[in-house]
C-alpha atoms as a PDB file:
ATOM      1  CA  MET A   1      41.418  31.015  16.010  1.00  0.00           C
ATOM      2  CA  ALA A   2      38.457  33.356  15.747  1.00  0.00           C
ATOM      3  CA  THR A   3      39.206  37.060  15.431  1.00  0.00           C
ATOM      4  CA  THR A   4      36.484  39.557  16.301  1.00  0.00           C
ATOM      5  CA  THR A   5      37.212  43.259  16.315  1.00  0.00           C
ATOM      6  CA  ALA A   6      34.963  45.902  17.865  1.00  0.00           C
ATOM      7  CA  THR A   7      35.253  49.514  16.681  1.00  0.00           C
ATOM      8  CA  LEU A   8      33.612  52.578  18.165  1.00  0.00           C
ATOM      9  CA  THR A   9      33.647  55.900  16.337  1.00  0.00           C
ATOM     10  CA  LEU A  10      32.238  59.144  17.781  1.00  0.00           C
ATOM     11  CA  GLN A  11      31.851  62.143  15.508  1.00  0.00           C
ATOM     12  CA  SER A  12      30.206  65.528  15.988  1.00  0.00           C
ATOM     13  CA  ALA A  13      30.526  68.840  14.216  1.00  0.00           C
ATOM     14  CA  ASP A  14      29.144  70.860  17.135  1.00  0.00           C
ATOM     15  CA  LEU A  15      29.342  68.993  20.461  1.00  0.00           C
ATOM     16  CA  THR A  16      32.388  70.860  21.801  1.00  0.00           C
ATOM     17  CA  GLY A  17      32.434  73.954  19.606  1.00  0.00           C
ATOM     18  CA  ASP A  18      35.046  72.251  17.450  1.00  0.00           C
ATOM     19  CA  ALA A  19      34.762  69.159  15.320  1.00  0.00           C
ATOM     20  CA  LEU A  20      35.065  65.953  17.340  1.00  0.00           C
ATOM     21  CA  SER A  21      36.258  62.658  15.920  1.00  0.00           C
ATOM     22  CA  LEU A  22      37.265  59.778  18.186  1.00  0.00           C
ATOM     23  CA  SER A  23      37.800  56.188  17.179  1.00  0.00           C
ATOM     24  CA  THR A  24      39.033  53.144  19.066  1.00  0.00           C
ATOM     25  CA  THR A  25      39.340  49.479  18.150  1.00  0.00           C
ATOM     26  CA  SER A  26      39.696  46.356  20.277  1.00  0.00           C
ATOM     27  CA  THR A  27      40.231  42.719  19.404  1.00  0.00           C
ATOM     28  CA  LEU A  28      37.942  40.598  21.593  1.00  0.00           C
ATOM     29  CA  THR A  29      39.994  37.947  23.360  1.00  0.00           C
ATOM     30  CA  LYS A  30      39.473  35.255  25.969  1.00  0.00           C
ATOM     31  CA  ALA A  31      40.264  36.040  29.609  1.00  0.00           C
ATOM     32  CA  ASP A  32      44.023  36.142  30.337  1.00  0.00           C
ATOM     33  CA  SER A  33      44.794  35.275  26.727  1.00  0.00           C
ATOM     34  CA  VAL A  34      45.483  36.608  23.252  1.00  0.00           C
ATOM     35  CA  THR A  35      43.210  33.930  21.765  1.00  0.00           C
ATOM     36  CA  GLY A  36      40.064  35.339  20.193  1.00  0.00           C
ATOM     37  CA  LEU A  37      36.558  34.753  21.523  1.00  0.00           C
ATOM     38  CA  ASP A  38      34.991  31.931  19.518  1.00  0.00           C
ATOM     39  CA  GLN A  39      31.438  31.517  20.844  1.00  0.00           C
ATOM     40  CA  PHE A  40      28.475  33.541  19.535  1.00  0.00           C
ATOM     41  CA  THR A  41      24.770  33.291  20.288  1.00  0.00           C
ATOM     42  CA  GLY A  42      23.899  34.932  16.998  1.00  0.00           C
ATOM     43  CA  VAL A  43      21.889  38.125  16.727  1.00  0.00           C
ATOM     44  CA  ALA A  44      18.297  37.640  17.829  1.00  0.00           C
ATOM     45  CA  ARG A  45      15.206  39.764  18.346  1.00  0.00           C
ATOM     46  CA  LYS A  46      12.655  39.367  21.078  1.00  0.00           C
ATOM     47  CA  ILE A  47       9.230  40.983  21.259  1.00  0.00           C
ATOM     48  CA  TYR A  48       8.034  42.264  24.632  1.00  0.00           C
ATOM     49  CA  THR A  49       4.412  43.248  25.279  1.00  0.00           C
ATOM     50  CA  GLN A  50       4.398  43.998  29.016  1.00  0.00           C
ATOM     51  CA  ASN A  51       6.199  46.489  31.225  1.00  0.00           C
ATOM     52  CA  THR A  52       7.801  43.802  33.438  1.00  0.00           C
ATOM     53  CA  ILE A  53      11.405  42.807  34.109  1.00  0.00           C
ATOM     54  CA  ASN A  54      12.729  40.036  31.833  1.00  0.00           C
ATOM     55  CA  ASN A  55      15.964  38.018  31.689  1.00  0.00           C
ATOM     56  CA  VAL A  56      17.862  38.277  28.426  1.00  0.00           C
ATOM     57  CA  PHE A  57      20.950  36.329  29.515  1.00  0.00           C
ATOM     58  CA  GLU A  58      21.134  34.202  32.670  1.00  0.00           C
ATOM     59  CA  GLY A  59      24.448  34.427  34.517  1.00  0.00           C
ATOM     60  CA  GLY A  60      24.407  30.772  35.556  1.00  0.00           C
ATOM     61  CA  ASP A  61      24.339  29.671  31.903  1.00  0.00           C
ATOM     62  CA  PHE A  62      27.834  31.014  31.210  1.00  0.00           C
ATOM     63  CA  ALA A  63      31.255  30.280  32.714  1.00  0.00           C
ATOM     64  CA  ALA A  64      32.533  32.376  35.613  1.00  0.00           C
ATOM     65  CA  ASN A  65      35.711  34.443  35.259  1.00  0.00           C
ATOM     66  CA  LYS A  66      35.596  34.314  31.473  1.00  0.00           C
ATOM     67  CA  ALA A  67      35.295  37.000  28.791  1.00  0.00           C
ATOM     68  CA  HIS A  68      31.736  37.803  27.704  1.00  0.00           C
ATOM     69  CA  LYS A  69      30.588  40.778  25.589  1.00  0.00           C
ATOM     70  CA  VAL A  70      26.912  41.821  25.424  1.00  0.00           C
ATOM     71  CA  TYR A  71      25.338  43.699  22.509  1.00  0.00           C
ATOM     72  CA  MET A  72      21.802  45.148  22.741  1.00  0.00           C
ATOM     73  CA  LYS A  73      19.860  47.547  20.549  1.00  0.00           C
ATOM     74  CA  ASN A  74      16.471  49.234  20.774  1.00  0.00           C
ATOM     75  CA  PRO A  75      15.399  49.556  17.105  1.00  0.00           C
ATOM     76  CA  SER A  76      12.286  51.594  17.972  1.00  0.00           C
ATOM     77  CA  ALA A  77      11.807  55.068  16.483  1.00  0.00           C
ATOM     78  CA  VAL A  78       9.236  56.070  19.161  1.00  0.00           C
ATOM     79  CA  ALA A  79      10.722  58.393  21.801  1.00  0.00           C
ATOM     80  CA  THR A  80       8.666  56.959  24.695  1.00  0.00           C
ATOM     81  CA  GLU A  81       9.814  53.383  23.981  1.00  0.00           C
ATOM     82  CA  TYR A  82      12.967  52.591  25.920  1.00  0.00           C
ATOM     83  CA  PHE A  83      14.412  49.592  27.759  1.00  0.00           C
ATOM     84  CA  THR A  84      15.787  49.859  31.282  1.00  0.00           C
ATOM     85  CA  ILE A  85      18.882  47.634  31.424  1.00  0.00           C
ATOM     86  CA  SER A  86      19.792  46.037  34.747  1.00  0.00           C
ATOM     87  CA  ILE A  87      21.962  43.322  36.253  1.00  0.00           C
ATOM     88  CA  GLY A  88      20.655  40.973  38.939  1.00  0.00           C
ATOM     89  CA  ALA A  89      17.931  38.375  39.341  1.00  0.00           C
ATOM     90  CA  ALA A  90      14.664  39.181  37.554  1.00  0.00           C
ATOM     91  CA  GLY A  91      12.722  37.749  40.499  1.00  0.00           C
ATOM     92  CA  GLY A  92      14.904  39.500  43.089  1.00  0.00           C
ATOM     93  CA  THR A  93      17.244  42.450  43.393  1.00  0.00           C
ATOM     94  CA  VAL A  94      18.490  44.188  40.262  1.00  0.00           C
ATOM     95  CA  GLU A  95      20.822  47.137  39.750  1.00  0.00           C
ATOM     96  CA  GLU A  96      19.887  49.516  36.957  1.00  0.00           C
ATOM     97  CA  ILE A  97      22.807  50.328  34.694  1.00  0.00           C
ATOM     98  CA  GLY A  98      21.057  52.522  32.127  1.00  0.00           C
ATOM     99  CA  ARG A  99      18.376  52.950  29.503  1.00  0.00           C
ATOM    100  CA  LEU A 100      18.334  52.209  25.799  1.00  0.00           C
ATOM    101  CA  TYR A 101      16.207  54.902  24.226  1.00  0.00           C
ATOM    102  CA  ALA A 102      14.807  54.659  20.687  1.00  0.00           C
ATOM    103  CA  GLY A 103      17.665  53.885  18.290  1.00  0.00           C
ATOM    104  CA  ASP A 104      20.222  53.407  21.108  1.00  0.00           C
ATOM    105  CA  TRP A 105      22.552  50.421  21.386  1.00  0.00           C
ATOM    106  CA  MET A 106      25.118  49.187  23.889  1.00  0.00           C
ATOM    107  CA  PHE A 107      28.168  46.947  23.907  1.00  0.00           C
ATOM    108  CA  MET A 108      29.691  46.003  27.267  1.00  0.00           C
ATOM    109  CA  PRO A 109      31.737  43.371  29.062  1.00  0.00           C
ATOM    110  CA  TRP A 110      29.766  41.070  31.360  1.00  0.00           C
ATOM    111  CA  SER A 111      30.839  39.016  34.367  1.00  0.00           C
ATOM    112  CA  ALA A 112      28.527  36.010  34.236  1.00  0.00           C
ATOM    113  CA  HIS A 113      28.600  33.462  37.028  1.00  0.00           C
ATOM    114  CA  ASP A 114      25.225  33.097  38.749  1.00  0.00           C
ATOM    115  CA  SER A 115      21.638  34.357  38.812  1.00  0.00           C
ATOM    116  CA  ASN A 116      22.733  37.493  40.680  1.00  0.00           C
ATOM    117  CA  ASN A 117      24.383  38.618  37.432  1.00  0.00           C
ATOM    118  CA  ASP A 118      21.560  38.049  34.945  1.00  0.00           C
ATOM    119  CA  ILE A 119      21.204  40.671  32.218  1.00  0.00           C
ATOM    120  CA  CYS A 120      17.630  41.980  32.471  1.00  0.00           C
ATOM    121  CA  VAL A 121      15.485  44.442  30.534  1.00  0.00           C
ATOM    122  CA  THR A 122      12.254  46.230  31.382  1.00  0.00           C
ATOM    123  CA  PRO A 123      10.260  47.795  28.517  1.00  0.00           C
ATOM    124  CA  SER A 124       8.914  51.283  29.234  1.00  0.00           C
ATOM    125  CA  VAL A 125       5.426  50.559  27.873  1.00  0.00           C
ATOM    126  CA  ASP A 126       2.861  47.732  27.669  1.00  0.00           C
ATOM    127  CA  THR A 127       2.791  47.812  23.882  1.00  0.00           C
ATOM    128  CA  THR A 128       4.898  45.763  21.468  1.00  0.00           C
ATOM    129  CA  MET A 129       8.606  46.562  21.794  1.00  0.00           C
ATOM    130  CA  ILE A 130      11.480  44.744  20.091  1.00  0.00           C
ATOM    131  CA  LEU A 131      14.945  44.169  21.564  1.00  0.00           C
ATOM    132  CA  GLU A 132      17.860  43.087  19.395  1.00  0.00           C
ATOM    133  CA  TYR A 133      20.639  41.262  21.270  1.00  0.00           C
ATOM    134  CA  ALA A 134      23.708  39.035  20.985  1.00  0.00           C
ATOM    135  CA  LEU A 135      26.480  37.621  23.142  1.00  0.00           C
ATOM    136  CA  ILE A 136      30.072  36.953  22.125  1.00  0.00           C
ATOM    137  CA  TYR A 137      31.535  34.786  24.850  1.00  0.00           C
ATOM    138  CA  GLN A 138      34.087  32.335  26.164  1.00  0.00           C
ATOM    139  CA  ALA A 139      32.932  28.821  27.052  1.00  0.00           C
END
């Protein structure tokens, strides 16, 4: 059985006026199970050169009602280079869920089941931008 653990730690000396230190850990398991997720796309990088919407993961390629976890990172150090992250069909309606600014990353659960749940990105500029991404999922 595969065991994958995700840990998030937030620390700041001055965010609240006092020191802040939060940490949480979760073992990634299959839906309705204690069995660990055992499928992984591997970490990949894709280069984008146009400010157009692009599919990263297509909802119809993954099983419905299963556990899927999406990781994305914008490795840029240029403040004007960000990715708009959305869910929907790249050729149709999408719902923006946020932006990955330079150096930002995200890790979220994903309900994949059809093209209305594709994970899409739109680069902020028409110059070369790199997106790092991976999916840990249940077949």
